[in-house]
Amino acid sequence: MEVLKEELSPDDFRSTKSNCIKYSRHDFIQLPYFTTDFEWKDYSPAVFRRILELNSIEYADYQLSICGDELLREVFFRENM
């Protein structure tokens, strides 16, 4: 197991971070739902990033996995049922 580069504090476990992806007008026309942005909240982002690092997962790959077109279509389709 990899050694931690720096200690995580109790505050790292309590923190949150709001994220928002805004789509351009071009993307909006191609999407099957009526929104131009997607928001989500990360809980304990420093802790989660450390978990990603320990598992050799790039943060950009993680974001794409939760914000890719296919997943967003499924989420919004279920909301509008």
C-alpha atoms as a PDB file:
ATOM      1  CA  MET A   1       0.000   0.000   0.000  1.00  0.00           C
ATOM      2  CA  GLU A   2       1.238   3.452  -0.882  1.00  0.00           C
ATOM      3  CA  VAL A   3       2.285   5.782   1.939  1.00  0.00           C
ATOM      4  CA  LEU A   4       0.197   8.951   2.281  1.00  0.00           C
ATOM      5  CA  LYS A   5       2.016  12.084   1.142  1.00  0.00           C
ATOM      6  CA  GLU A   6       0.382  14.232   3.805  1.00  0.00           C
ATOM      7  CA  GLU A   7      -1.971  13.649   6.673  1.00  0.00           C
ATOM      8  CA  LEU A   8      -5.680  14.224   6.216  1.00  0.00           C
ATOM      9  CA  SER A   9      -7.287  16.415   8.853  1.00  0.00           C
ATOM     10  CA  PRO A  10     -10.731  15.959  10.431  1.00  0.00           C
ATOM     11  CA  ASP A  11     -11.837  18.996   8.395  1.00  0.00           C
ATOM     12  CA  ASP A  12     -10.966  17.112   5.191  1.00  0.00           C
ATOM     13  CA  PHE A  13     -13.620  14.543   6.126  1.00  0.00           C
ATOM     14  CA  ARG A  14     -16.271  17.226   6.790  1.00  0.00           C
ATOM     15  CA  SER A  15     -15.701  19.468   3.777  1.00  0.00           C
ATOM     16  CA  THR A  16     -17.854  19.682   0.652  1.00  0.00           C
ATOM     17  CA  LYS A  17     -17.334  21.215  -2.773  1.00  0.00           C
ATOM     18  CA  SER A  18     -20.027  22.155  -5.286  1.00  0.00           C
ATOM     19  CA  ASN A  19     -19.254  21.547  -8.958  1.00  0.00           C
ATOM     20  CA  CYS A  20     -21.044  22.671 -12.088  1.00  0.00           C
ATOM     21  CA  ILE A  21     -20.513  21.830 -15.741  1.00  0.00           C
ATOM     22  CA  LYS A  22     -22.031  24.328 -18.150  1.00  0.00           C
ATOM     23  CA  TYR A  23     -22.737  23.175 -21.670  1.00  0.00           C
ATOM     24  CA  SER A  24     -22.289  25.426 -24.670  1.00  0.00           C
ATOM     25  CA  ARG A  25     -25.267  26.284 -26.878  1.00  0.00           C
ATOM     26  CA  HIS A  26     -23.970  23.756 -29.429  1.00  0.00           C
ATOM     27  CA  ASP A  27     -24.011  20.958 -26.809  1.00  0.00           C
ATOM     28  CA  PHE A  28     -27.430  22.050 -25.569  1.00  0.00           C
ATOM     29  CA  ILE A  29     -28.999  21.530 -28.993  1.00  0.00           C
ATOM     30  CA  GLN A  30     -27.729  17.935 -29.096  1.00  0.00           C
ATOM     31  CA  LEU A  31     -28.860  16.949 -25.607  1.00  0.00           C
ATOM     32  CA  PRO A  32     -32.281  15.299 -25.174  1.00  0.00           C
ATOM     33  CA  TYR A  33     -33.223  17.287 -22.074  1.00  0.00           C
ATOM     34  CA  PHE A  34     -33.872  20.902 -21.195  1.00  0.00           C
ATOM     35  CA  THR A  35     -30.884  21.971 -19.153  1.00  0.00           C
ATOM     36  CA  THR A  36     -27.555  23.534 -20.001  1.00  0.00           C
ATOM     37  CA  ASP A  37     -25.675  22.702 -16.830  1.00  0.00           C
ATOM     38  CA  PHE A  38     -25.145  19.814 -14.451  1.00  0.00           C
ATOM     39  CA  GLU A  39     -24.400  20.351 -10.756  1.00  0.00           C
ATOM     40  CA  TRP A  40     -23.201  17.947  -8.120  1.00  0.00           C
ATOM     41  CA  LYS A  41     -21.606  18.107  -4.683  1.00  0.00           C
ATOM     42  CA  ASP A  42     -18.409  16.320  -3.697  1.00  0.00           C
ATOM     43  CA  TYR A  43     -18.269  15.248  -0.075  1.00  0.00           C
ATOM     44  CA  SER A  44     -14.795  15.069   1.469  1.00  0.00           C
ATOM     45  CA  PRO A  45     -13.098  15.959  -1.844  1.00  0.00           C
ATOM     46  CA  ALA A  46      -9.525  15.756  -0.494  1.00  0.00           C
ATOM     47  CA  VAL A  47     -10.213  12.312   0.950  1.00  0.00           C
ATOM     48  CA  PHE A  48     -11.863  11.127  -2.249  1.00  0.00           C
ATOM     49  CA  ARG A  49      -8.986  12.471  -4.362  1.00  0.00           C
ATOM     50  CA  ARG A  50      -6.576  10.555  -2.160  1.00  0.00           C
ATOM     51  CA  ILE A  51      -8.601   7.368  -2.742  1.00  0.00           C
ATOM     52  CA  LEU A  52      -8.469   8.021  -6.502  1.00  0.00           C
ATOM     53  CA  GLU A  53      -4.688   8.542  -6.338  1.00  0.00           C
ATOM     54  CA  LEU A  54      -4.159   5.348  -4.339  1.00  0.00           C
ATOM     55  CA  ASN A  55      -6.088   3.450  -7.012  1.00  0.00           C
ATOM     56  CA  SER A  56      -4.293   5.185  -9.925  1.00  0.00           C
ATOM     57  CA  ILE A  57      -7.500   6.800 -11.203  1.00  0.00           C
ATOM     58  CA  GLU A  58      -7.169  10.173 -12.919  1.00  0.00           C
ATOM     59  CA  TYR A  59      -9.591  12.842 -11.652  1.00  0.00           C
ATOM     60  CA  ALA A  60     -10.502  13.755 -15.253  1.00  0.00           C
ATOM     61  CA  ASP A  61     -11.521  10.137 -15.910  1.00  0.00           C
ATOM     62  CA  TYR A  62     -13.659  10.153 -12.761  1.00  0.00           C
ATOM     63  CA  GLN A  63     -15.398  13.382 -13.845  1.00  0.00           C
ATOM     64  CA  LEU A  64     -16.072  11.995 -17.299  1.00  0.00           C
ATOM     65  CA  SER A  65     -17.549   8.846 -15.763  1.00  0.00           C
ATOM     66  CA  ILE A  66     -20.136  10.875 -13.823  1.00  0.00           C
ATOM     67  CA  CYS A  67     -20.675  13.670 -16.343  1.00  0.00           C
ATOM     68  CA  GLY A  68     -20.502  11.853 -19.664  1.00  0.00           C
ATOM     69  CA  ASP A  69     -23.447  12.207 -22.054  1.00  0.00           C
ATOM     70  CA  GLU A  70     -24.675   8.640 -21.561  1.00  0.00           C
ATOM     71  CA  LEU A  71     -24.949   8.925 -17.772  1.00  0.00           C
ATOM     72  CA  LEU A  72     -26.518  12.392 -17.936  1.00  0.00           C
ATOM     73  CA  ARG A  73     -29.147  11.139 -20.374  1.00  0.00           C
ATOM     74  CA  GLU A  74     -30.016   8.310 -18.011  1.00  0.00           C
ATOM     75  CA  VAL A  75     -30.227  10.616 -14.969  1.00  0.00           C
ATOM     76  CA  PHE A  76     -32.452  13.177 -16.688  1.00  0.00           C
ATOM     77  CA  PHE A  77     -34.599  10.504 -18.341  1.00  0.00           C
ATOM     78  CA  ARG A  78     -35.372   8.996 -14.921  1.00  0.00           C
ATOM     79  CA  GLU A  79     -36.135  12.440 -13.441  1.00  0.00           C
ATOM     80  CA  ASN A  80     -38.613  13.224 -16.217  1.00  0.00           C
ATOM     81  CA  MET A  81     -40.514   9.908 -16.061  1.00  0.00           C
END
